[in-house]
């Protein structure tokens, strides 16, 4: 019954993400990852013709980023190649890119399903878990990053799967939970090596359990597979099994930002502060305090993962992760932080929980309002209009995008909503951008001439909008778009009915210390669910 609820919630989120997808790959990091995916499929190599990379020992260019995202995108690239012939020739390269970009909407839906299972494991009732999963999926930057061809959604999925495996392992033991934890950790690190400190921190509470034979073997086998993939990738592009591919950015020379500047910027600044882009994190301290009372080792692991990630990027010269939406580098930790909020909301021994739920719903609604601007308007369009792009200063310049980062009047949140209101008014009055896409233009990173890119600042970052701008029939496009929203509503309704029929029974907390593994899981070590007939 938990699995079915997870499928229904994941389905609802998937259709929302598909309906709100942009279907374009244009940012420099996105473009590089697309080229890597293309090289894997078409040329069976990890070298790329251009993009953000470092020159390898053989003189060819190799991406800085890890291999995980490109591997995950391979099936979508192949599907795009198969679908392209059904479209006009001038649109085929764009179709391939659009279908390839769908790896993150699917990853976001999987993330929602895993996150719901994690909340149930932490003691939330069915409807409570559904509501908080909706807050994560729609009220945090996860929604915007599910539109982008960047690695953050996949990283969030990996870390959340790892945390779910660790929590299950501590409550019930077993090789399956150990394999899940290792799968999440290994995949996250394969996507981005810099996530390793967070992945290690989250894995610490599992260490006593995997000392037993079956969990240890399961974890080691899974981790060995990812280590081999990473090792072969490193050798291919750097000649060294431990080579990260980041070049100078993997050295202390790249960590020049004063720590207090980066910490404030990542957490509180008007342009990049996590608090403004994911308001639900305001409840994280209370959540971690409640988690420490029920499972202090898991709580400390999440705390350590968040602190290590903040400290790692706070001194990085590109701490803001420009261009991107919000605090890009903290997005992978958002599900774990929201899970901590879930522990607080599930704490039935703390008295009246209604004020906490009221606060969570309010902050979630504020988060949805913030994300709507980021979903409707592409962050690159807002940067163009604000004068932040093309860049006028070097990224290493301390004043790089300083007004967008620090001045609330130039906050991207405000800027996106201003553009959304203006563009909506223009569309209502018949002023709609037009683009003449061509296969030749698709070979470039932007895919369209600069003049048309400027026009698109007056458009919406939604695939149906781009389709209409390119000349496809509006009634057909809008009918398909409306169908996706209808399916999302149907799945959400089914999920709510199914969750309403679930009754939570008491569960036993995990062992108090990581030095005391149990040989057999007690019968009530995990939440026990029973069903009543859905109405």
Protein backbone atom coordinates (compact mmCIF):
# COMPACT_ATOMS: atom_id res chain seq x y z
CA UNK A 1 0.00 0.00 0.00
CA UNK A 2 2.90 2.39 0.63
CA UNK A 3 4.31 1.57 -2.79
CA UNK A 4 0.98 2.26 -4.49
CA UNK A 5 0.66 5.63 -2.79
CA UNK A 6 4.21 6.47 -3.86
CA UNK A 7 3.36 5.58 -7.47
CA UNK A 8 0.25 7.77 -7.42
CA UNK A 9 2.07 10.74 -5.90
CA UNK A 10 5.00 10.27 -8.28
CA UNK A 11 2.56 10.14 -11.20
CA UNK A 12 0.86 13.38 -10.15
CA UNK A 13 4.20 15.15 -9.81
CA UNK A 14 5.40 13.73 -13.12
CA UNK A 15 2.46 15.17 -15.05
CA UNK A 16 2.88 18.56 -13.35
CA UNK A 17 6.57 18.56 -14.26
CA UNK A 18 5.86 17.47 -17.83
CA UNK A 19 3.24 20.19 -18.22
CA UNK A 20 5.60 22.86 -16.88
CA UNK A 21 8.73 21.64 -18.67
CA UNK A 22 10.66 24.06 -20.85
CA UNK A 23 11.99 21.50 -23.30
CA UNK A 24 15.12 23.52 -24.05
CA UNK A 25 18.82 23.02 -23.30
CA UNK A 26 20.70 26.32 -23.58
CA UNK A 27 22.74 27.13 -20.44
CA UNK A 28 26.44 26.37 -20.78
CA UNK A 29 26.44 23.51 -18.23
CA UNK A 30 23.27 22.08 -19.80
CA UNK A 31 24.80 22.29 -23.27
CA UNK A 32 27.96 20.50 -22.14
CA UNK A 33 25.98 17.66 -20.55
CA UNK A 34 23.88 17.30 -23.69
CA UNK A 35 27.04 17.05 -25.78
CA UNK A 36 28.41 14.39 -23.43
CA UNK A 37 25.18 12.40 -23.72
CA UNK A 38 25.33 12.76 -27.49
CA UNK A 39 28.98 11.65 -27.57
CA UNK A 40 28.19 8.56 -25.49
CA UNK A 41 25.41 7.50 -27.86
CA UNK A 42 26.74 8.61 -31.22
CA UNK A 43 30.51 8.26 -30.84
CA UNK A 44 31.00 6.02 -27.76
CA UNK A 45 33.38 8.52 -26.20
CA UNK A 46 33.32 10.97 -23.29
CA UNK A 47 35.09 13.72 -25.23
CA UNK A 48 32.97 16.72 -26.30
CA UNK A 49 33.54 19.19 -29.16
CA UNK A 50 32.97 22.27 -26.95
CA UNK A 51 31.59 23.37 -23.60
CA UNK A 52 32.71 23.62 -19.98
CA UNK A 53 35.60 21.22 -19.88
CA UNK A 54 39.30 20.63 -19.47
CA UNK A 55 41.75 19.45 -22.11
CA UNK A 56 42.80 15.86 -21.48
CA UNK A 57 46.17 14.16 -22.03
CA UNK A 58 45.19 13.38 -25.64
CA UNK A 59 44.43 17.02 -26.45
CA UNK A 60 40.68 16.54 -26.62
CA UNK A 61 38.12 18.39 -24.48
CA UNK A 62 36.38 16.56 -21.63
CA UNK A 63 33.54 17.76 -19.36
CA UNK A 64 34.33 18.85 -15.83
CA UNK A 65 31.14 17.33 -14.45
CA UNK A 66 30.60 13.70 -13.51
CA UNK A 67 29.24 10.96 -15.72
CA UNK A 68 25.99 10.19 -13.86
CA UNK A 69 23.71 12.75 -15.49
CA UNK A 70 24.78 11.85 -19.02
CA UNK A 71 24.24 8.14 -18.34
CA UNK A 72 20.78 8.82 -16.93
CA UNK A 73 19.93 10.92 -20.00
CA UNK A 74 20.98 8.29 -22.57
CA UNK A 75 17.54 6.58 -22.80
CA UNK A 76 15.87 9.97 -23.24
CA UNK A 77 18.32 10.98 -25.97
CA UNK A 78 17.60 7.73 -27.80
CA UNK A 79 13.86 8.32 -27.42
CA UNK A 80 14.31 11.82 -28.82
CA UNK A 81 16.14 10.45 -31.86
CA UNK A 82 13.30 7.99 -32.44
CA UNK A 83 10.64 10.69 -32.08
CA UNK A 84 12.36 13.34 -34.22
CA UNK A 85 11.37 11.91 -37.66
CA UNK A 86 7.68 12.49 -36.83
CA UNK A 87 8.28 16.28 -36.77
CA UNK A 88 9.17 18.78 -39.51
CA UNK A 89 12.86 18.61 -40.39
CA UNK A 90 13.62 22.09 -39.07
CA UNK A 91 12.35 21.07 -35.63
CA UNK A 92 14.05 17.68 -35.32
CA UNK A 93 17.23 18.84 -33.50
CA UNK A 94 15.03 20.72 -31.02
CA UNK A 95 12.85 17.66 -30.49
CA UNK A 96 15.93 15.60 -29.59
CA UNK A 97 16.98 18.21 -27.06
CA UNK A 98 13.46 18.56 -25.66
CA UNK A 99 13.01 14.82 -25.11
CA UNK A 100 16.53 14.50 -23.65
CA UNK A 101 15.71 17.25 -21.15
CA UNK A 102 12.84 15.15 -19.77
CA UNK A 103 15.29 13.14 -17.66
CA UNK A 104 14.81 15.66 -14.85
CA UNK A 105 10.99 15.71 -14.79
CA UNK A 106 11.15 11.92 -14.49
CA UNK A 107 13.86 12.17 -11.83
CA UNK A 108 11.75 14.74 -9.99
CA UNK A 109 8.78 12.37 -10.00
CA UNK A 110 10.96 9.55 -8.66
CA UNK A 111 12.26 11.94 -6.02
CA UNK A 112 8.69 12.71 -4.92
CA UNK A 113 7.88 8.99 -4.68
CA UNK A 114 11.00 8.20 -2.63
CA UNK A 115 10.47 11.26 -0.44
CA UNK A 116 6.92 10.17 0.34
CA UNK A 117 8.18 6.72 1.37
CA UNK A 118 10.79 8.42 3.57
CA UNK A 119 8.10 10.50 5.29
CA UNK A 120 5.98 7.41 5.92
CA UNK A 121 9.06 5.73 7.39
CA UNK A 122 9.55 8.75 9.67
CA UNK A 123 6.03 8.40 11.05
CA UNK A 124 3.79 10.75 9.08
CA UNK A 125 0.27 9.62 8.25
CA UNK A 126 -0.67 9.15 4.60
CA UNK A 127 -2.33 12.52 3.98
CA UNK A 128 0.36 14.31 5.97
CA UNK A 129 3.06 12.72 3.83
CA UNK A 130 1.21 13.66 0.63
CA UNK A 131 0.87 17.30 1.73
CA UNK A 132 4.53 17.67 2.69
CA UNK A 133 5.64 15.96 -0.54
CA UNK A 134 3.58 18.55 -2.43
CA UNK A 135 5.43 21.29 -0.52
CA UNK A 136 8.77 19.78 -1.57
CA UNK A 137 7.74 19.25 -5.20
CA UNK A 138 6.06 22.62 -5.77
CA UNK A 139 7.20 24.92 -2.97
CA UNK A 140 10.98 24.60 -3.29
CA UNK A 141 13.48 25.08 -6.16
CA UNK A 142 13.10 21.36 -6.96
CA UNK A 143 10.24 22.37 -9.28
CA UNK A 144 12.39 24.80 -11.26
CA UNK A 145 15.38 22.44 -11.42
CA UNK A 146 13.14 19.68 -12.74
CA UNK A 147 12.81 21.93 -15.83
CA UNK A 148 16.54 22.33 -16.30
CA UNK A 149 19.10 19.96 -17.80
CA UNK A 150 21.35 20.30 -14.76
CA UNK A 151 22.38 17.69 -12.20
CA UNK A 152 20.69 19.09 -9.10
CA UNK A 153 17.46 17.07 -9.40
CA UNK A 154 19.43 13.86 -9.88
CA UNK A 155 21.65 14.74 -6.92
CA UNK A 156 18.58 15.36 -4.77
CA UNK A 157 17.14 12.01 -5.87
CA UNK A 158 20.38 10.20 -5.02
CA UNK A 159 20.76 11.75 -1.56
CA UNK A 160 17.08 11.22 -0.73
CA UNK A 161 17.26 7.57 -1.77
CA UNK A 162 20.37 7.22 0.38
CA UNK A 163 18.66 8.78 3.39
CA UNK A 164 15.60 6.58 2.91
CA UNK A 165 17.81 3.49 2.78
CA UNK A 166 19.70 4.56 5.91
CA UNK A 167 16.50 5.24 7.88
CA UNK A 168 15.02 1.90 6.83
CA UNK A 169 18.26 0.14 7.66
CA UNK A 170 18.31 1.61 11.17
CA UNK A 171 14.69 0.72 11.81
CA UNK A 172 14.43 -2.73 10.24
CA UNK A 173 17.85 -3.80 8.95
CA UNK A 174 18.29 -5.91 5.84
CA UNK A 175 20.41 -6.10 2.71
CA UNK A 176 17.74 -4.37 0.63
CA UNK A 177 17.86 -1.19 2.68
CA UNK A 178 21.66 -1.28 2.63
CA UNK A 179 21.65 -1.59 -1.16
CA UNK A 180 19.23 1.34 -1.45
CA UNK A 181 21.46 3.55 0.67
CA UNK A 182 24.53 2.59 -1.35
CA UNK A 183 22.66 3.07 -4.64
CA UNK A 184 21.63 6.59 -3.71
CA UNK A 185 25.07 7.57 -2.44
CA UNK A 186 26.94 6.03 -5.36
CA UNK A 187 24.70 7.58 -7.98
CA UNK A 188 24.85 11.04 -6.38
CA UNK A 189 28.65 10.98 -6.30
CA UNK A 190 28.80 9.75 -9.91
CA UNK A 191 26.71 12.77 -10.92
CA UNK A 192 28.92 15.20 -9.01
CA UNK A 193 32.05 14.37 -7.03
CA UNK A 194 31.69 17.46 -4.85
CA UNK A 195 28.62 15.91 -3.21
CA UNK A 196 30.86 13.27 -1.58
CA UNK A 197 31.10 14.98 1.86
CA UNK A 198 27.31 15.14 2.14
CA UNK A 199 26.90 11.55 0.93
CA UNK A 200 29.46 10.32 3.48
CA UNK A 201 27.78 12.22 6.30
CA UNK A 202 24.38 10.75 5.50
CA UNK A 203 25.84 7.25 5.40
CA UNK A 204 27.43 7.35 8.87
CA UNK A 205 24.32 6.13 10.81
CA UNK A 206 24.25 3.03 8.58
CA UNK A 207 27.78 1.91 9.42
CA UNK A 208 26.90 -0.31 12.41
CA UNK A 209 24.28 -2.15 10.39
CA UNK A 210 26.48 -2.88 7.39
CA UNK A 211 29.05 -4.57 9.63
CA UNK A 212 26.82 -7.62 9.36
CA UNK A 213 27.54 -9.84 6.36
CA UNK A 214 24.53 -9.44 4.08
CA UNK A 215 24.09 -5.66 4.38
CA UNK A 216 27.85 -5.17 4.04
CA UNK A 217 28.06 -7.29 0.88
CA UNK A 218 25.03 -5.56 -0.65
CA UNK A 219 26.45 -2.09 0.02
CA UNK A 220 29.95 -2.95 -1.20
CA UNK A 221 28.74 -4.53 -4.45
CA UNK A 222 26.62 -1.50 -5.32
CA UNK A 223 29.34 0.99 -4.40
CA UNK A 224 31.93 -1.01 -6.36
CA UNK A 225 29.86 -0.65 -9.53
CA UNK A 226 29.77 3.12 -9.21
CA UNK A 227 33.46 3.26 -8.28
CA UNK A 228 34.34 1.33 -11.44
CA UNK A 229 32.22 3.61 -13.61
CA UNK A 230 33.80 6.68 -12.06
CA UNK A 231 37.29 5.25 -12.33
CA UNK A 232 36.96 4.40 -16.02
CA UNK A 233 35.53 7.86 -16.71
CA UNK A 234 38.39 9.54 -14.84
CA UNK A 235 41.04 7.55 -16.70
CA UNK A 236 39.42 8.31 -20.05
CA UNK A 237 39.48 12.08 -19.55
CA UNK A 238 42.44 12.69 -17.22
CA UNK A 239 44.61 9.58 -17.43
CA UNK A 240 44.32 9.22 -13.65
CA UNK A 241 41.80 7.01 -11.88
CA UNK A 242 41.48 9.69 -9.17
CA UNK A 243 41.44 12.66 -11.55
CA UNK A 244 38.33 14.77 -10.92
CA UNK A 245 38.39 16.62 -14.24
CA UNK A 246 37.80 19.97 -12.53
CA UNK A 247 41.32 21.27 -13.11
CA UNK A 248 41.99 24.51 -11.25
CA UNK A 249 38.54 24.45 -9.62
CA UNK A 250 39.59 21.38 -7.63
CA UNK A 251 42.48 23.30 -6.03
CA UNK A 252 42.57 25.82 -3.16
CA UNK A 253 43.06 28.58 -5.77
CA UNK A 254 39.33 28.40 -6.57
CA UNK A 255 38.21 28.96 -2.97
CA UNK A 256 38.71 32.69 -2.59
CA UNK A 257 35.34 33.97 -1.39
CA UNK A 258 35.35 35.10 2.28
CA UNK A 259 33.46 32.46 4.24
CA UNK A 260 31.03 34.93 5.82
CA UNK A 261 30.11 36.29 2.39
CA UNK A 262 29.32 32.85 0.99
CA UNK A 263 27.41 31.64 4.06
CA UNK A 264 25.25 34.77 4.11
CA UNK A 265 24.82 34.63 0.35
CA UNK A 266 23.73 30.98 0.26
CA UNK A 267 21.36 31.22 3.21
CA UNK A 268 20.00 34.77 3.46
CA UNK A 269 20.91 37.00 0.50
CA UNK A 270 17.98 38.39 -1.48
CA UNK A 271 19.26 36.95 -4.75
CA UNK A 272 20.42 33.48 -3.68
CA UNK A 273 19.33 32.87 -0.08
CA UNK A 274 17.80 29.46 0.53
CA UNK A 275 15.37 30.96 3.03
CA UNK A 276 13.68 33.05 0.32
CA UNK A 277 13.68 30.40 -2.39
CA UNK A 278 12.47 27.59 -0.09
CA UNK A 279 10.60 29.24 2.82
CA UNK A 280 9.76 25.87 4.39
CA UNK A 281 13.38 25.64 5.62
CA UNK A 282 12.45 28.19 8.28
CA UNK A 283 11.09 25.20 10.24
CA UNK A 284 14.24 23.08 9.82
CA UNK A 285 15.78 23.92 13.25
CA UNK A 286 12.63 22.71 15.00
CA UNK A 287 12.59 19.66 12.77
CA UNK A 288 16.17 18.72 13.52
CA UNK A 289 15.53 19.18 17.25
CA UNK A 290 12.57 16.80 17.07
CA UNK A 291 14.61 14.34 14.99
CA UNK A 292 17.38 14.33 17.59
CA UNK A 293 14.85 13.23 20.20
CA UNK A 294 13.74 10.23 18.14
CA UNK A 295 16.90 9.32 16.19
CA UNK A 296 19.79 11.56 17.06
CA UNK A 297 22.28 9.91 14.71
CA UNK A 298 20.15 10.45 11.63
CA UNK A 299 19.48 14.02 12.73
CA UNK A 300 23.18 14.73 13.19
CA UNK A 301 23.92 13.15 9.82
CA UNK A 302 21.50 15.50 8.02
CA UNK A 303 22.87 18.44 9.99
CA UNK A 304 26.45 17.52 9.11
CA UNK A 305 25.60 17.03 5.42
CA UNK A 306 24.00 20.48 5.25
CA UNK A 307 26.79 22.22 7.15
CA UNK A 308 29.53 20.56 5.11
CA UNK A 309 27.81 21.53 1.85
CA UNK A 310 27.36 25.14 2.93
CA UNK A 311 30.98 25.43 4.08
CA UNK A 312 32.29 23.75 0.92
CA UNK A 313 30.58 26.18 -1.43
CA UNK A 314 30.62 29.32 0.74
CA UNK A 315 34.30 29.92 -0.02
CA UNK A 316 34.10 28.77 -3.66
CA UNK A 317 34.72 31.57 -6.15
CA UNK A 318 31.42 30.70 -7.92
CA UNK A 319 29.47 30.26 -4.68
CA UNK A 320 26.24 31.51 -6.27
CA UNK A 321 26.29 28.92 -9.06
CA UNK A 322 25.41 31.54 -11.69
CA UNK A 323 23.50 31.46 -13.83
CA UNK A 324 20.87 29.43 -12.09
CA UNK A 325 17.74 29.77 -10.01
CA UNK A 326 18.38 30.35 -6.32
CA UNK A 327 21.13 28.62 -4.32
CA UNK A 328 21.91 25.93 -6.89
CA UNK A 329 24.50 24.11 -4.79
CA UNK A 330 22.14 23.66 -1.82
CA UNK A 331 19.22 22.26 -3.81
CA UNK A 332 20.34 18.59 -3.43
CA UNK A 333 20.03 18.90 0.38
CA UNK A 334 16.53 20.44 0.32
CA UNK A 335 14.65 17.08 0.52
CA UNK A 336 16.65 16.00 3.58
CA UNK A 337 15.92 19.36 5.25
CA UNK A 338 12.20 19.14 4.46
CA UNK A 339 12.25 15.57 5.81
CA UNK A 340 13.48 17.05 9.10
CA UNK A 341 10.44 19.34 9.06
CA UNK A 342 8.36 16.20 8.56
CA UNK A 343 9.74 14.70 11.78
CA UNK A 344 8.59 17.79 13.68
CA UNK A 345 5.14 17.57 12.09
CA UNK A 346 4.94 13.86 12.95
CA UNK A 347 5.89 14.34 16.60
CA UNK A 348 2.59 13.43 18.25
CA UNK A 349 4.13 13.55 21.72
CA UNK A 350 4.84 17.28 21.46
CA UNK A 351 1.23 18.37 21.99
CA UNK A 352 -0.94 20.30 19.55
CA UNK A 353 0.59 20.00 16.08
CA UNK A 354 -1.90 22.29 14.35
CA UNK A 355 0.22 25.46 14.66
CA UNK A 356 3.18 23.64 13.10
CA UNK A 357 1.04 22.37 10.25
CA UNK A 358 -0.45 25.83 9.73
CA UNK A 359 3.06 27.24 9.51
CA UNK A 360 4.16 24.51 7.10
CA UNK A 361 1.15 25.08 4.82
CA UNK A 362 1.68 28.85 4.83
CA UNK A 363 5.40 28.58 4.09
CA UNK A 364 4.68 25.96 1.44
CA UNK A 365 2.19 28.28 -0.26
CA UNK A 366 4.74 31.11 -0.22
CA UNK A 367 7.24 28.71 -1.75
CA UNK A 368 4.82 27.82 -4.54
CA UNK A 369 4.37 31.53 -5.31
CA UNK A 370 8.14 31.94 -5.51
CA UNK A 371 8.59 28.96 -7.83
CA UNK A 372 5.80 30.02 -10.21
CA UNK A 373 7.95 32.96 -11.28
CA UNK A 374 10.94 30.68 -11.84
CA UNK A 375 8.84 28.12 -13.71
CA UNK A 376 7.13 30.61 -16.03
CA UNK A 377 10.17 32.75 -16.86
CA UNK A 378 13.54 31.25 -17.78
CA UNK A 379 16.27 32.51 -15.46
CA UNK A 380 18.44 33.35 -18.48
CA UNK A 381 15.74 35.67 -19.82
CA UNK A 382 15.57 37.49 -16.50
CA UNK A 383 19.37 37.81 -16.46
CA UNK A 384 19.33 39.27 -19.98
CA UNK A 385 16.66 41.81 -19.12
CA UNK A 386 18.33 42.77 -15.86
CA UNK A 387 21.59 43.42 -17.71
CA UNK A 388 23.40 40.59 -15.95
CA UNK A 389 23.92 38.67 -19.19
CA UNK A 390 26.01 38.84 -21.31
CA UNK A 391 28.38 39.14 -18.38
CA UNK A 392 30.14 42.48 -18.01
CA UNK A 393 32.47 41.37 -15.23
CA UNK A 394 34.57 38.27 -14.73
CA UNK A 395 32.95 35.63 -12.52
CA UNK A 396 35.92 35.92 -10.16
CA UNK A 397 35.22 39.66 -9.69
CA UNK A 398 33.79 40.24 -6.15
CA UNK A 399 31.23 42.61 -7.74
CA UNK A 400 30.04 40.03 -10.26
CA UNK A 401 26.21 40.29 -10.38
CA UNK A 402 26.41 42.09 -7.03
CA UNK A 403 23.08 43.91 -7.39
CA UNK A 404 21.21 40.72 -8.32
CA UNK A 405 22.84 38.90 -5.41
CA UNK A 406 22.49 41.50 -2.69
CA UNK A 407 19.96 44.22 -3.62
CA UNK A 408 16.35 43.12 -2.87
CA UNK A 409 15.04 45.44 -5.59
CA UNK A 410 16.93 43.36 -8.15
CA UNK A 411 16.15 39.96 -6.63
CA UNK A 412 15.39 37.34 -9.30
CA UNK A 413 12.21 36.47 -7.38
CA UNK A 414 10.91 40.01 -7.89
CA UNK A 415 12.31 40.20 -11.42
CA UNK A 416 10.65 36.97 -12.55
CA UNK A 417 7.25 38.07 -11.26
CA UNK A 418 7.58 41.47 -12.92
CA UNK A 419 8.32 39.77 -16.23
CA UNK A 420 5.54 37.23 -15.71
CA UNK A 421 2.94 39.98 -15.20
CA UNK A 422 4.21 41.99 -18.16
CA UNK A 423 4.44 39.02 -20.53
CA UNK A 424 1.00 37.79 -19.57
CA UNK A 425 -0.45 41.21 -20.34
CA UNK A 426 1.35 41.28 -23.71
CA UNK A 427 0.06 37.82 -24.64
CA UNK A 428 -3.51 38.78 -23.70
CA UNK A 429 -3.23 41.74 -26.08
CA UNK A 430 -1.85 39.61 -28.91
CA UNK A 431 1.85 40.47 -28.65
CA UNK A 432 3.37 36.99 -28.92
CA UNK A 433 7.04 36.26 -29.77
CA UNK A 434 7.78 34.42 -33.00
CA UNK A 435 10.85 32.29 -33.67
CA UNK A 436 11.92 30.70 -36.93
CA UNK A 437 13.69 27.58 -35.73
CA UNK A 438 16.00 25.76 -38.10
CA UNK A 439 18.24 22.74 -37.90
CA UNK A 440 21.25 24.94 -38.58
CA UNK A 441 20.45 27.18 -35.65
CA UNK A 442 20.04 24.22 -33.33
CA UNK A 443 23.73 23.44 -33.70
CA UNK A 444 24.54 26.48 -31.56
CA UNK A 445 24.11 26.59 -27.81
CA UNK A 446 21.16 29.01 -27.89
CA UNK A 447 19.55 27.41 -30.93
CA UNK A 448 18.22 30.77 -32.13
CA UNK A 449 19.83 34.07 -33.22
CA UNK A 450 20.49 36.64 -30.50
CA UNK A 451 17.70 38.86 -31.80
CA UNK A 452 15.18 36.06 -31.31
CA UNK A 453 16.64 35.25 -27.91
CA UNK A 454 15.89 38.86 -26.95
CA UNK A 455 12.30 38.42 -28.17
CA UNK A 456 11.92 35.35 -25.97
CA UNK A 457 12.43 37.48 -22.86
CA UNK A 458 8.81 38.45 -23.57
CA UNK A 459 7.72 34.81 -23.70
CA UNK A 460 7.06 31.98 -21.27
CA UNK A 461 9.49 29.18 -20.47
CA UNK A 462 6.97 26.42 -21.19
CA UNK A 463 7.16 23.90 -24.01
CA UNK A 464 3.64 24.72 -25.31
CA UNK A 465 4.63 28.38 -25.52
CA UNK A 466 7.78 27.57 -27.48
CA UNK A 467 5.79 25.27 -29.77
CA UNK A 468 3.29 28.03 -30.55
CA UNK A 469 6.07 30.61 -31.00
CA UNK A 470 7.64 28.23 -33.56
CA UNK A 471 4.41 28.04 -35.55
CA UNK A 472 2.79 24.78 -34.43
CA UNK A 473 -1.04 24.88 -34.24
CA UNK A 474 -2.09 26.40 -30.92
CA UNK A 475 -5.33 24.38 -30.43
CA UNK A 476 -3.51 21.05 -30.70
CA UNK A 477 -0.62 22.15 -28.48
CA UNK A 478 -2.93 23.56 -25.80
CA UNK A 479 -5.09 20.42 -25.89
CA UNK A 480 -2.06 18.23 -25.14
CA UNK A 481 -0.93 20.65 -22.43
CA UNK A 482 -4.37 20.67 -20.81
CA UNK A 483 -4.41 16.87 -20.91
CA UNK A 484 -1.23 16.72 -18.85
CA UNK A 485 -2.72 18.99 -16.19
CA UNK A 486 -5.89 16.89 -16.15
CA UNK A 487 -3.85 13.71 -15.63
CA UNK A 488 -1.96 15.42 -12.80
CA UNK A 489 -5.27 16.28 -11.14
CA UNK A 490 -6.60 12.73 -11.55
CA UNK A 491 -3.48 11.16 -10.04
CA UNK A 492 -3.47 13.68 -7.19
CA UNK A 493 -7.11 12.85 -6.44
CA UNK A 494 -6.37 9.12 -6.43
CA UNK A 495 -3.35 9.66 -4.18
CA UNK A 496 -5.40 11.69 -1.70
CA UNK A 497 -8.15 9.05 -1.55
CA UNK A 498 -5.63 6.26 -1.08
CA UNK A 499 -3.77 8.21 1.62
CA UNK A 500 -7.04 8.92 3.42
CA UNK A 501 -7.66 5.19 3.70
CA UNK A 502 -4.37 4.52 5.47
CA UNK A 503 -4.26 4.29 9.25
CA UNK A 504 -0.96 4.68 11.06
CA UNK A 505 -0.14 2.37 13.93
CA UNK A 506 2.60 3.00 16.52
CA UNK A 507 6.17 2.28 15.55
CA UNK A 508 9.35 1.73 17.53
CA UNK A 509 12.24 4.18 17.27
CA UNK A 510 15.65 3.04 16.03
CA UNK A 511 18.44 2.11 18.38
CA UNK A 512 19.83 5.01 20.37
CA UNK A 513 23.47 4.62 19.37
CA UNK A 514 25.24 3.60 16.18
CA UNK A 515 27.42 1.20 18.18
CA UNK A 516 24.53 -1.15 18.98
CA UNK A 517 23.33 -2.96 15.86
CA UNK A 518 20.44 -5.35 16.26
CA UNK A 519 20.50 -8.81 14.75
CA UNK A 520 16.80 -9.08 14.07
CA UNK A 521 14.34 -6.31 13.36
CA UNK A 522 11.48 -6.13 15.87
CA UNK A 523 8.03 -6.59 14.45
CA UNK A 524 7.04 -2.99 15.12
CA UNK A 525 10.32 -1.37 14.03
CA UNK A 526 8.66 0.29 11.04
CA UNK A 527 5.34 2.08 10.66
CA UNK A 528 2.53 -0.46 10.32
CA UNK A 529 -0.26 0.43 7.93
CA UNK A 530 -3.80 -0.87 7.64
CA UNK A 531 -6.41 0.04 5.09
CA UNK A 532 -10.00 1.14 5.28
CA UNK A 533 -12.17 1.21 2.20
CA UNK A 534 -11.51 4.42 0.19
CA UNK A 535 -14.52 6.69 -0.12
